[in-house]
N, C-alpha and C. Protein backbone atom coordinates (compact mmCIF):
# COMPACT_ATOMS: atom_id res chain seq x y z
N UNK A 1 21.09 103.11 204.60
CA UNK A 1 20.26 103.48 205.74
C UNK A 1 21.14 103.90 206.92
N UNK A 2 20.81 105.02 207.52
CA UNK A 2 21.58 105.54 208.64
C UNK A 2 21.54 104.59 209.83
N UNK A 3 22.71 104.31 210.40
CA UNK A 3 22.80 103.47 211.60
C UNK A 3 22.69 104.38 212.82
N UNK A 4 21.77 104.05 213.71
CA UNK A 4 21.56 104.86 214.90
C UNK A 4 22.32 104.28 216.10
N UNK A 5 22.96 105.17 216.83
CA UNK A 5 23.75 104.78 217.99
C UNK A 5 23.24 105.54 219.21
N UNK A 6 22.94 104.82 220.26
CA UNK A 6 22.62 105.45 221.54
C UNK A 6 23.86 105.35 222.43
N UNK A 7 24.34 106.50 222.87
CA UNK A 7 25.55 106.54 223.69
C UNK A 7 25.18 107.05 225.08
N UNK A 8 25.27 106.18 226.07
CA UNK A 8 24.94 106.54 227.46
C UNK A 8 26.22 106.99 228.16
N UNK A 9 26.12 108.14 228.85
CA UNK A 9 27.32 108.68 229.49
C UNK A 9 26.95 109.63 230.60
N UNK A 10 27.96 110.00 231.38
CA UNK A 10 27.82 111.06 232.37
C UNK A 10 28.97 112.03 232.17
N UNK A 11 28.71 113.31 232.39
CA UNK A 11 29.71 114.33 232.12
C UNK A 11 30.93 114.27 233.04
N UNK A 12 30.81 113.62 234.19
CA UNK A 12 31.95 113.53 235.09
C UNK A 12 32.69 112.21 234.94
N UNK A 13 32.33 111.42 233.94
CA UNK A 13 32.97 110.12 233.70
C UNK A 13 34.12 110.29 232.73
N UNK A 14 35.37 110.11 233.18
CA UNK A 14 36.51 110.31 232.28
C UNK A 14 36.54 109.32 231.12
N UNK A 15 36.09 108.09 231.34
CA UNK A 15 36.09 107.12 230.25
C UNK A 15 35.03 107.46 229.21
N UNK A 16 33.97 108.14 229.62
CA UNK A 16 32.97 108.61 228.66
C UNK A 16 33.58 109.67 227.76
N UNK A 17 34.36 110.58 228.36
CA UNK A 17 35.01 111.62 227.56
C UNK A 17 36.01 110.99 226.59
N UNK A 18 36.75 110.01 227.06
CA UNK A 18 37.69 109.32 226.18
C UNK A 18 36.97 108.57 225.07
N UNK A 19 35.82 107.97 225.42
CA UNK A 19 35.07 107.20 224.42
C UNK A 19 34.46 108.07 223.35
N UNK A 20 34.30 109.36 223.63
CA UNK A 20 33.74 110.28 222.66
C UNK A 20 34.66 110.46 221.46
N UNK A 21 35.97 110.36 221.68
CA UNK A 21 36.93 110.58 220.60
C UNK A 21 36.77 109.62 219.43
N UNK A 22 36.85 108.29 219.69
CA UNK A 22 36.64 107.34 218.59
C UNK A 22 35.27 107.47 217.94
N UNK A 23 34.26 107.78 218.74
CA UNK A 23 32.91 107.93 218.19
C UNK A 23 32.85 109.15 217.27
N UNK A 24 33.48 110.25 217.67
CA UNK A 24 33.51 111.44 216.82
C UNK A 24 34.17 111.15 215.48
N UNK A 25 35.22 110.31 215.48
CA UNK A 25 35.90 109.96 214.23
C UNK A 25 34.99 109.13 213.34
N UNK A 26 34.24 108.21 213.96
CA UNK A 26 33.32 107.37 213.20
C UNK A 26 32.23 108.22 212.52
N UNK A 27 31.76 109.23 213.23
CA UNK A 27 30.70 110.09 212.69
C UNK A 27 31.16 110.77 211.39
N UNK A 28 32.45 111.08 211.30
CA UNK A 28 32.98 111.74 210.11
C UNK A 28 33.07 110.79 208.92
N UNK A 29 33.10 109.49 209.18
CA UNK A 29 33.37 108.52 208.12
C UNK A 29 32.18 107.64 207.75
N UNK A 30 31.22 107.49 208.66
CA UNK A 30 30.11 106.56 208.45
C UNK A 30 28.78 107.30 208.47
N UNK A 31 27.78 106.68 207.86
CA UNK A 31 26.43 107.23 207.88
C UNK A 31 25.76 106.79 209.19
N UNK A 32 26.05 107.53 210.26
CA UNK A 32 25.54 107.18 211.57
C UNK A 32 24.89 108.41 212.21
N UNK A 33 24.00 108.14 213.14
CA UNK A 33 23.34 109.20 213.91
C UNK A 33 23.49 108.86 215.38
N UNK A 34 24.19 109.71 216.12
CA UNK A 34 24.46 109.47 217.53
C UNK A 34 23.47 110.25 218.39
N UNK A 35 22.86 109.56 219.32
CA UNK A 35 22.00 110.21 220.31
C UNK A 35 22.62 109.99 221.69
N UNK A 36 23.08 111.07 222.31
CA UNK A 36 23.66 110.96 223.63
C UNK A 36 22.55 110.86 224.68
N UNK A 37 22.68 109.87 225.55
CA UNK A 37 21.66 109.58 226.54
C UNK A 37 22.23 109.79 227.95
N UNK A 38 21.43 110.34 228.86
CA UNK A 38 21.95 110.63 230.21
C UNK A 38 22.03 109.41 231.12
N UNK A 39 23.05 109.42 231.96
CA UNK A 39 23.22 108.43 233.01
C UNK A 39 24.00 109.11 234.12
N UNK A 40 23.39 109.30 235.26
CA UNK A 40 24.08 109.98 236.37
C UNK A 40 24.76 108.95 237.26
N UNK A 41 26.07 109.04 237.36
CA UNK A 41 26.82 108.12 238.21
C UNK A 41 26.54 108.36 239.69
N UNK A 42 26.45 109.61 240.07
CA UNK A 42 26.20 109.96 241.47
C UNK A 42 25.14 111.05 241.53
N UNK A 43 23.88 110.68 241.31
CA UNK A 43 22.81 111.69 241.32
C UNK A 43 22.60 112.25 242.72
N UNK A 44 22.13 113.49 242.78
CA UNK A 44 21.76 114.08 244.06
C UNK A 44 20.64 113.23 244.68
N UNK A 45 20.71 112.92 245.99
CA UNK A 45 21.53 113.54 247.03
C UNK A 45 22.77 112.72 247.43
N UNK A 46 23.27 111.84 246.54
CA UNK A 46 24.49 111.12 246.89
C UNK A 46 25.60 112.12 247.19
N UNK A 47 26.50 111.74 248.07
CA UNK A 47 27.61 112.61 248.43
C UNK A 47 28.51 112.83 247.23
N UNK A 48 28.85 114.07 246.99
CA UNK A 48 29.77 114.38 245.89
C UNK A 48 31.16 113.83 246.21
N UNK A 49 31.93 113.59 245.15
CA UNK A 49 33.30 113.11 245.35
C UNK A 49 34.29 114.22 245.00
N UNK A 50 35.46 114.12 245.58
CA UNK A 50 36.55 115.04 245.27
C UNK A 50 37.80 114.20 245.05
N UNK A 51 38.09 113.85 243.80
CA UNK A 51 39.24 112.98 243.52
C UNK A 51 40.56 113.50 244.07
N UNK A 52 40.66 114.84 244.20
CA UNK A 52 41.91 115.40 244.70
C UNK A 52 42.15 115.07 246.17
N UNK A 53 41.10 114.64 246.86
CA UNK A 53 41.23 114.27 248.27
C UNK A 53 41.12 112.76 248.49
N UNK A 54 41.09 112.01 247.39
CA UNK A 54 40.95 110.55 247.49
C UNK A 54 42.12 109.88 246.77
N UNK A 55 43.13 109.41 247.52
CA UNK A 55 44.34 108.83 246.93
C UNK A 55 44.07 107.72 245.93
N UNK A 56 43.07 106.88 246.19
CA UNK A 56 42.79 105.78 245.27
C UNK A 56 42.35 106.29 243.91
N UNK A 57 41.53 107.34 243.89
CA UNK A 57 41.06 107.90 242.62
C UNK A 57 42.20 108.62 241.89
N UNK A 58 43.06 109.29 242.63
CA UNK A 58 44.21 109.93 241.99
C UNK A 58 45.13 108.88 241.38
N UNK A 59 45.29 107.76 242.07
CA UNK A 59 46.13 106.68 241.55
C UNK A 59 45.54 106.10 240.26
N UNK A 60 44.21 105.94 240.25
CA UNK A 60 43.54 105.42 239.05
C UNK A 60 43.71 106.38 237.88
N UNK A 61 43.63 107.67 238.18
CA UNK A 61 43.79 108.67 237.13
C UNK A 61 45.18 108.56 236.50
N UNK A 62 46.20 108.45 237.34
CA UNK A 62 47.56 108.39 236.84
C UNK A 62 47.86 107.05 236.16
N UNK A 63 47.25 105.97 236.68
CA UNK A 63 47.59 104.63 236.19
C UNK A 63 46.81 104.22 234.95
N UNK A 64 45.57 104.68 234.84
CA UNK A 64 44.71 104.19 233.75
C UNK A 64 44.22 105.29 232.82
N UNK A 65 43.74 106.38 233.39
CA UNK A 65 43.06 107.37 232.58
C UNK A 65 44.04 108.19 231.73
N UNK A 66 45.07 108.74 232.35
CA UNK A 66 46.02 109.54 231.58
C UNK A 66 46.74 108.72 230.52
N UNK A 67 47.18 107.47 230.81
CA UNK A 67 47.79 106.67 229.74
C UNK A 67 46.83 106.40 228.58
N UNK A 68 45.56 106.16 228.90
CA UNK A 68 44.57 105.93 227.84
C UNK A 68 44.38 107.20 227.01
N UNK A 69 44.34 108.35 227.68
CA UNK A 69 44.19 109.62 226.96
C UNK A 69 45.38 109.87 226.04
N UNK A 70 46.56 109.57 226.54
CA UNK A 70 47.76 109.75 225.72
C UNK A 70 47.74 108.84 224.51
N UNK A 71 47.34 107.60 224.70
CA UNK A 71 47.28 106.63 223.60
C UNK A 71 46.28 107.07 222.54
N UNK A 72 45.17 107.66 222.97
CA UNK A 72 44.13 108.09 222.04
C UNK A 72 44.39 109.50 221.49
N UNK A 73 45.40 110.16 222.03
CA UNK A 73 45.69 111.52 221.58
C UNK A 73 44.66 112.53 222.04
N UNK A 74 44.08 112.29 223.23
CA UNK A 74 43.04 113.17 223.76
C UNK A 74 43.61 114.09 224.82
N UNK A 75 43.37 115.38 224.67
CA UNK A 75 43.80 116.36 225.67
C UNK A 75 42.75 116.40 226.78
N UNK A 76 43.14 116.00 227.98
CA UNK A 76 42.22 116.07 229.11
C UNK A 76 42.99 116.20 230.40
N UNK A 77 42.32 116.67 231.43
CA UNK A 77 42.96 116.83 232.74
C UNK A 77 41.94 116.52 233.82
N UNK A 78 42.43 116.23 234.99
CA UNK A 78 41.54 116.01 236.13
C UNK A 78 41.08 117.38 236.63
N UNK A 79 39.79 117.70 236.46
CA UNK A 79 39.32 119.05 236.79
C UNK A 79 39.50 119.39 238.27
N UNK A 80 40.01 120.59 238.51
CA UNK A 80 40.14 121.07 239.89
C UNK A 80 38.86 121.80 240.29
N UNK A 81 37.75 121.08 240.15
CA UNK A 81 36.45 121.57 240.60
C UNK A 81 36.12 120.75 241.84
N UNK A 82 36.11 121.39 242.97
CA UNK A 82 36.02 120.66 244.24
C UNK A 82 34.76 121.03 245.00
N UNK A 83 33.90 120.03 245.30
CA UNK A 83 33.93 118.65 244.78
C UNK A 83 33.42 118.60 243.36
N UNK A 84 33.51 117.43 242.73
CA UNK A 84 33.01 117.32 241.37
C UNK A 84 31.49 117.52 241.34
N UNK A 85 30.98 118.14 240.29
CA UNK A 85 29.58 118.60 240.29
C UNK A 85 28.56 117.48 240.07
N UNK A 86 27.34 117.75 240.52
CA UNK A 86 26.20 116.96 240.05
C UNK A 86 25.97 117.37 238.59
N UNK A 87 25.34 116.48 237.82
CA UNK A 87 25.22 116.76 236.39
C UNK A 87 23.77 116.89 235.90
N UNK A 88 22.80 116.91 236.83
CA UNK A 88 21.41 116.95 236.38
C UNK A 88 21.08 118.23 235.61
N UNK A 89 21.62 119.38 236.03
CA UNK A 89 21.33 120.62 235.32
C UNK A 89 21.93 120.61 233.91
N UNK A 90 23.13 120.07 233.79
CA UNK A 90 23.75 119.97 232.46
C UNK A 90 22.91 119.10 231.54
N UNK A 91 22.37 118.00 232.09
CA UNK A 91 21.53 117.13 231.26
C UNK A 91 20.20 117.80 230.93
N UNK A 92 19.65 118.57 231.87
CA UNK A 92 18.43 119.30 231.56
C UNK A 92 18.70 120.31 230.44
N UNK A 93 19.89 120.89 230.46
CA UNK A 93 20.28 121.78 229.37
C UNK A 93 20.37 121.04 228.05
N UNK A 94 20.79 119.78 228.11
CA UNK A 94 20.87 118.97 226.89
C UNK A 94 19.48 118.74 226.29
N UNK A 95 18.49 118.55 227.14
CA UNK A 95 17.13 118.37 226.63
C UNK A 95 16.65 119.64 225.93
N UNK A 96 16.96 120.79 226.52
CA UNK A 96 16.63 122.06 225.87
C UNK A 96 17.34 122.14 224.52
N UNK A 97 18.63 121.83 224.52
CA UNK A 97 19.42 121.91 223.29
C UNK A 97 18.90 120.97 222.22
N UNK A 98 18.49 119.77 222.63
CA UNK A 98 17.97 118.79 221.68
C UNK A 98 16.71 119.32 221.00
N UNK A 99 15.86 119.97 221.78
CA UNK A 99 14.63 120.53 221.21
C UNK A 99 14.92 121.66 220.22
N UNK A 100 16.11 122.26 220.35
CA UNK A 100 16.48 123.35 219.46
C UNK A 100 17.50 122.90 218.40
N UNK A 101 17.61 121.58 218.22
CA UNK A 101 18.47 121.05 217.17
C UNK A 101 19.95 121.15 217.43
N UNK A 102 20.33 121.32 218.72
CA UNK A 102 21.75 121.49 219.06
C UNK A 102 22.17 120.51 220.16
N UNK A 103 21.48 119.38 220.25
CA UNK A 103 21.75 118.46 221.35
C UNK A 103 23.18 117.97 221.42
N UNK A 104 23.70 117.46 220.31
CA UNK A 104 25.06 116.93 220.32
C UNK A 104 26.10 118.03 220.48
N UNK A 105 25.84 119.18 219.88
CA UNK A 105 26.79 120.29 220.00
C UNK A 105 26.92 120.74 221.46
N UNK A 106 25.80 120.88 222.13
CA UNK A 106 25.85 121.29 223.54
C UNK A 106 26.48 120.20 224.40
N UNK A 107 26.12 118.95 224.15
CA UNK A 107 26.69 117.83 224.90
C UNK A 107 28.21 117.84 224.79
N UNK A 108 28.71 117.98 223.59
CA UNK A 108 30.17 117.99 223.39
C UNK A 108 30.81 119.18 224.09
N UNK A 109 30.13 120.32 224.05
CA UNK A 109 30.71 121.52 224.67
C UNK A 109 30.79 121.38 226.18
N UNK A 110 29.79 120.78 226.80
CA UNK A 110 29.84 120.56 228.25
C UNK A 110 31.00 119.65 228.61
N UNK A 111 31.17 118.59 227.83
CA UNK A 111 32.27 117.66 228.09
C UNK A 111 33.62 118.36 228.05
N UNK A 112 33.87 119.14 227.00
CA UNK A 112 35.17 119.80 226.89
C UNK A 112 35.34 120.87 227.96
N UNK A 113 34.24 121.53 228.33
CA UNK A 113 34.32 122.55 229.38
C UNK A 113 34.80 121.95 230.68
N UNK A 114 34.36 120.71 230.97
CA UNK A 114 34.75 120.09 232.23
C UNK A 114 36.14 119.47 232.17
N UNK A 115 36.39 118.63 231.19
CA UNK A 115 37.63 117.86 231.18
C UNK A 115 38.81 118.56 230.51
N UNK A 116 38.56 119.67 229.83
CA UNK A 116 39.68 120.39 229.22
C UNK A 116 39.86 121.79 229.80
N UNK A 117 38.77 122.37 230.29
CA UNK A 117 38.83 123.75 230.79
C UNK A 117 38.54 123.86 232.28
N UNK A 118 38.19 122.75 232.93
CA UNK A 118 37.95 122.70 234.37
C UNK A 118 36.87 123.67 234.82
N UNK A 119 35.81 123.79 234.03
CA UNK A 119 34.70 124.65 234.40
C UNK A 119 33.68 123.87 235.24
N UNK A 120 32.98 124.60 236.10
CA UNK A 120 31.99 123.98 236.97
C UNK A 120 30.67 123.83 236.21
N UNK A 121 30.40 122.64 235.72
CA UNK A 121 29.23 122.41 234.87
C UNK A 121 27.94 122.18 235.67
N UNK A 122 27.98 122.49 236.97
CA UNK A 122 26.76 122.52 237.76
C UNK A 122 26.23 123.95 237.89
N UNK A 123 27.06 124.91 237.55
CA UNK A 123 26.72 126.33 237.69
C UNK A 123 25.86 126.77 236.50
N UNK A 124 24.69 127.33 236.80
CA UNK A 124 23.77 127.74 235.74
C UNK A 124 24.39 128.81 234.84
N UNK A 125 25.16 129.73 235.42
CA UNK A 125 25.77 130.78 234.59
C UNK A 125 26.80 130.19 233.63
N UNK A 126 27.56 129.20 234.10
CA UNK A 126 28.53 128.53 233.23
C UNK A 126 27.80 127.80 232.11
N UNK A 127 26.77 127.07 232.44
CA UNK A 127 26.02 126.32 231.43
C UNK A 127 25.37 127.27 230.42
N UNK A 128 24.88 128.41 230.90
CA UNK A 128 24.26 129.38 229.99
C UNK A 128 25.29 129.94 229.02
N UNK A 129 26.48 130.19 229.52
CA UNK A 129 27.56 130.69 228.64
C UNK A 129 27.89 129.65 227.58
N UNK A 130 27.95 128.38 227.98
CA UNK A 130 28.24 127.30 227.03
C UNK A 130 27.13 127.20 225.99
N UNK A 131 25.89 127.39 226.44
CA UNK A 131 24.76 127.35 225.51
C UNK A 131 24.90 128.44 224.44
N UNK A 132 25.31 129.62 224.86
CA UNK A 132 25.51 130.70 223.90
C UNK A 132 26.60 130.39 222.90
N UNK A 133 27.61 129.66 223.34
CA UNK A 133 28.73 129.32 222.46
C UNK A 133 28.33 128.37 221.35
N UNK A 134 27.24 127.61 221.55
CA UNK A 134 26.75 126.73 220.48
C UNK A 134 25.48 127.32 219.84
N UNK A 135 25.30 128.63 220.05
CA UNK A 135 24.24 129.41 219.38
C UNK A 135 22.83 129.01 219.81
N UNK A 136 22.68 128.69 221.09
CA UNK A 136 21.35 128.50 221.66
C UNK A 136 20.85 129.83 222.23
N UNK A 137 19.54 130.04 222.29
CA UNK A 137 19.01 131.28 222.88
C UNK A 137 19.25 131.31 224.38
N UNK A 138 20.15 132.16 224.82
CA UNK A 138 20.65 132.08 226.20
C UNK A 138 19.59 132.44 227.24
N UNK A 139 18.77 133.43 226.96
CA UNK A 139 17.76 133.83 227.95
C UNK A 139 16.76 132.69 228.19
N UNK A 140 16.29 132.08 227.12
CA UNK A 140 15.34 130.97 227.24
C UNK A 140 16.01 129.76 227.88
N UNK A 141 17.27 129.54 227.55
CA UNK A 141 18.02 128.43 228.14
C UNK A 141 18.15 128.60 229.65
N UNK A 142 18.58 129.79 230.06
CA UNK A 142 18.77 130.05 231.49
C UNK A 142 17.46 129.89 232.25
N UNK A 143 16.38 130.42 231.70
CA UNK A 143 15.07 130.34 232.34
C UNK A 143 14.64 128.87 232.48
N UNK A 144 14.95 128.05 231.48
CA UNK A 144 14.58 126.63 231.53
C UNK A 144 15.30 125.92 232.67
N UNK A 145 16.56 126.31 232.92
CA UNK A 145 17.31 125.68 234.02
C UNK A 145 16.84 126.21 235.37
N UNK A 146 16.61 127.50 235.46
CA UNK A 146 16.17 128.09 236.73
C UNK A 146 14.80 127.52 237.13
N UNK A 147 13.91 127.39 236.17
CA UNK A 147 12.55 126.91 236.46
C UNK A 147 12.47 125.39 236.52
N UNK A 148 13.56 124.72 236.17
CA UNK A 148 13.62 123.25 236.11
C UNK A 148 12.56 122.71 235.14
N UNK A 149 12.41 123.38 234.02
CA UNK A 149 11.41 123.02 233.02
C UNK A 149 11.56 121.58 232.53
N UNK A 150 12.81 121.12 232.44
CA UNK A 150 13.06 119.79 231.88
C UNK A 150 13.37 118.74 232.95
N UNK A 151 13.04 119.06 234.19
CA UNK A 151 13.33 118.12 235.28
C UNK A 151 12.64 116.78 235.07
N UNK A 152 11.35 116.81 234.76
CA UNK A 152 10.60 115.56 234.59
C UNK A 152 11.07 114.80 233.35
N UNK A 153 11.37 115.53 232.30
CA UNK A 153 11.89 114.91 231.07
C UNK A 153 13.18 114.17 231.37
N UNK A 154 14.04 114.83 232.13
CA UNK A 154 15.32 114.21 232.48
C UNK A 154 15.12 112.99 233.38
N UNK A 155 14.21 113.07 234.34
CA UNK A 155 13.95 111.93 235.22
C UNK A 155 13.42 110.73 234.42
N UNK A 156 12.59 110.99 233.44
CA UNK A 156 12.09 109.90 232.60
C UNK A 156 13.22 109.29 231.77
N UNK A 157 14.15 110.13 231.32
CA UNK A 157 15.30 109.63 230.56
C UNK A 157 16.20 108.76 231.44
N UNK A 158 16.37 109.17 232.69
CA UNK A 158 17.16 108.36 233.63
C UNK A 158 16.46 107.04 233.92
N UNK A 159 15.15 107.09 234.09
CA UNK A 159 14.39 105.86 234.33
C UNK A 159 14.56 104.90 233.16
N UNK A 160 14.53 105.43 231.95
CA UNK A 160 14.76 104.60 230.77
C UNK A 160 16.13 103.94 230.84
N UNK A 161 17.15 104.74 231.18
CA UNK A 161 18.52 104.20 231.23
C UNK A 161 18.66 103.13 232.29
N UNK A 162 18.16 103.40 233.49
CA UNK A 162 18.33 102.48 234.61
C UNK A 162 17.46 101.23 234.48
N UNK A 163 16.22 101.40 234.04
CA UNK A 163 15.26 100.31 234.10
C UNK A 163 15.00 99.64 232.74
N UNK A 164 14.81 100.43 231.70
CA UNK A 164 14.46 99.85 230.40
C UNK A 164 15.69 99.40 229.63
N UNK A 165 16.68 100.27 229.52
CA UNK A 165 17.91 99.91 228.80
C UNK A 165 18.85 99.08 229.67
N UNK A 166 18.58 99.06 230.99
CA UNK A 166 19.38 98.29 231.95
C UNK A 166 20.87 98.66 231.89
N UNK A 167 21.14 99.95 231.82
CA UNK A 167 22.52 100.43 231.81
C UNK A 167 23.07 100.34 233.23
N UNK A 168 24.23 99.73 233.36
CA UNK A 168 24.85 99.56 234.68
C UNK A 168 26.19 100.28 234.81
N UNK A 169 26.76 100.67 233.68
CA UNK A 169 28.05 101.36 233.69
C UNK A 169 28.15 102.20 232.42
N UNK A 170 28.96 103.22 232.48
CA UNK A 170 29.16 104.06 231.30
C UNK A 170 30.66 104.23 231.03
N UNK A 171 31.03 104.43 229.75
CA UNK A 171 30.11 104.58 228.61
C UNK A 171 29.53 103.24 228.17
N UNK A 172 28.31 103.30 227.65
CA UNK A 172 27.68 102.15 227.00
C UNK A 172 27.13 102.63 225.66
N UNK A 173 27.46 101.87 224.61
CA UNK A 173 26.99 102.20 223.27
C UNK A 173 26.06 101.09 222.80
N UNK A 174 24.88 101.46 222.34
CA UNK A 174 23.94 100.49 221.79
C UNK A 174 23.80 100.77 220.30
N UNK A 175 24.20 99.78 219.50
CA UNK A 175 24.16 99.88 218.04
C UNK A 175 23.33 98.70 217.54
N UNK A 176 22.11 98.98 217.12
CA UNK A 176 21.22 97.88 216.77
C UNK A 176 20.94 97.04 218.01
N UNK A 177 21.23 95.75 217.92
CA UNK A 177 21.05 94.86 219.07
C UNK A 177 22.35 94.64 219.83
N UNK A 178 23.42 95.27 219.38
CA UNK A 178 24.73 95.09 219.99
C UNK A 178 24.94 96.12 221.10
N UNK A 179 25.41 95.66 222.24
CA UNK A 179 25.70 96.53 223.38
C UNK A 179 27.20 96.48 223.66
N UNK A 180 27.83 97.64 223.62
CA UNK A 180 29.26 97.74 223.91
C UNK A 180 29.42 98.52 225.21
N UNK A 181 29.96 97.87 226.21
CA UNK A 181 30.17 98.53 227.50
C UNK A 181 31.64 98.92 227.63
N UNK A 182 31.87 100.12 228.10
CA UNK A 182 33.23 100.56 228.33
C UNK A 182 33.85 101.23 227.11
N UNK A 183 35.06 101.68 227.29
CA UNK A 183 35.80 102.36 226.23
C UNK A 183 35.95 101.44 225.03
N UNK A 184 35.60 101.94 223.85
CA UNK A 184 35.67 101.14 222.64
C UNK A 184 36.53 101.85 221.60
N UNK A 185 37.38 101.09 220.92
CA UNK A 185 38.22 101.67 219.88
C UNK A 185 37.39 102.02 218.65
N UNK A 186 37.95 102.84 217.81
CA UNK A 186 37.31 103.18 216.55
C UNK A 186 37.06 101.92 215.72
N UNK A 187 38.03 101.00 215.75
CA UNK A 187 37.91 99.77 214.97
C UNK A 187 36.77 98.90 215.47
N UNK A 188 36.61 98.82 216.78
CA UNK A 188 35.53 98.03 217.36
C UNK A 188 34.17 98.62 216.99
N UNK A 189 34.05 99.95 217.09
CA UNK A 189 32.80 100.61 216.73
C UNK A 189 32.50 100.40 215.25
N UNK A 190 33.51 100.54 214.39
CA UNK A 190 33.31 100.37 212.96
C UNK A 190 32.86 98.95 212.63
N UNK A 191 33.42 97.98 213.34
CA UNK A 191 33.04 96.58 213.09
C UNK A 191 31.56 96.36 213.37
N UNK A 192 31.08 96.88 214.48
CA UNK A 192 29.67 96.70 214.84
C UNK A 192 28.77 97.48 213.89
N UNK A 193 29.19 98.69 213.51
CA UNK A 193 28.39 99.50 212.59
C UNK A 193 28.27 98.81 211.24
N UNK A 194 29.37 98.25 210.74
CA UNK A 194 29.33 97.56 209.45
C UNK A 194 28.43 96.33 209.52
N UNK A 195 28.43 95.65 210.65
CA UNK A 195 27.54 94.51 210.84
C UNK A 195 26.08 94.96 210.78
N UNK A 196 25.78 96.09 211.41
CA UNK A 196 24.42 96.63 211.41
C UNK A 196 24.03 97.11 210.01
N UNK A 197 24.97 97.70 209.27
CA UNK A 197 24.70 98.13 207.90
C UNK A 197 24.34 96.94 207.02
N UNK A 198 25.08 95.85 207.18
CA UNK A 198 24.81 94.65 206.39
C UNK A 198 23.43 94.08 206.72
N UNK A 199 23.05 94.10 207.99
CA UNK A 199 21.74 93.60 208.39
C UNK A 199 20.64 94.48 207.80
N UNK A 200 20.85 95.79 207.80
CA UNK A 200 19.86 96.70 207.24
C UNK A 200 19.66 96.46 205.74
N UNK A 201 20.75 96.17 205.04
CA UNK A 201 20.65 95.91 203.60
C UNK A 201 19.88 94.62 203.34
N UNK A 202 20.11 93.61 204.18
CA UNK A 202 19.37 92.35 204.03
C UNK A 202 17.88 92.59 204.26
N UNK A 203 17.58 93.39 205.27
CA UNK A 203 16.17 93.67 205.58
C UNK A 203 15.47 94.41 204.45
N UNK A 204 16.22 95.27 203.75
CA UNK A 204 15.63 96.01 202.63
C UNK A 204 15.21 95.08 201.50
N UNK A 205 15.92 93.92 201.36
CA UNK A 205 15.63 92.98 200.29
C UNK A 205 14.56 91.97 200.67
N UNK A 206 14.36 91.76 201.96
CA UNK A 206 13.38 90.77 202.41
C UNK A 206 11.98 91.13 201.92
N UNK A 207 11.30 90.14 201.36
CA UNK A 207 9.91 90.32 200.98
C UNK A 207 9.69 90.88 199.59
N UNK A 208 10.77 91.26 198.87
CA UNK A 208 10.60 91.75 197.50
C UNK A 208 10.10 90.61 196.63
N UNK A 209 9.11 90.88 195.79
CA UNK A 209 8.53 89.81 194.97
C UNK A 209 7.76 90.41 193.81
N UNK A 210 7.52 89.55 192.84
CA UNK A 210 6.64 89.90 191.73
C UNK A 210 5.29 89.19 191.93
N UNK A 211 4.23 89.87 191.62
CA UNK A 211 2.90 89.27 191.70
C UNK A 211 2.31 89.18 190.29
N UNK A 212 1.26 88.45 190.18
CA UNK A 212 0.62 88.28 188.88
C UNK A 212 -0.06 89.55 188.41
N UNK A 213 -0.65 89.47 187.25
CA UNK A 213 -1.42 90.56 186.66
C UNK A 213 -0.54 91.79 186.40
N UNK A 214 0.68 91.52 185.91
CA UNK A 214 1.54 92.61 185.48
C UNK A 214 2.16 93.45 186.57
N UNK A 215 2.35 92.85 187.77
CA UNK A 215 2.92 93.62 188.89
C UNK A 215 4.37 94.00 188.63
N UNK A 216 5.16 93.16 187.91
CA UNK A 216 6.57 93.46 187.64
C UNK A 216 6.79 93.75 186.16
């Protein structure tokens, strides 16, 4: 039975991008289904941040993020997009992509566009170009963002994350009843997935029985 994983993240979260690497490796090896869920760290109208103008954030990048990226073998950089973008339009694009069977592909492409190519993922033209790269219908995609077709859908998804799932930090991975907060190694993810697989197998056997009158 396929193990389902809900992965909560924001596109401007460097640890979310780093956490994607081990998860991508697990997907190649295990029978799992990943659903990326939105979580905005600084939703509009919060003031945007510019790490290049904030010494503390630059220090954190050099002290924690780059060493972690090097250890994981992940190519990433601090984007010179000033200030860092809001991500609601990118997430609305994800809802469009999900409806067209390309949710994870578009999600991954937005992540790499920001942390590897330093593209402005708040710009509708940039997002439309990325949509085309994962073979989404670009005209319909662009119109959906311009008209804010998925605004309410996205707001409901955020409400779920903040209130129902009680997500307080990202990345957060929910696998069955297990909640993993923060960057998780491939080994940690595999351990929880194997635990969930074993539980699913037990559940498949529960209640099996023979009845009278030639049932077995």
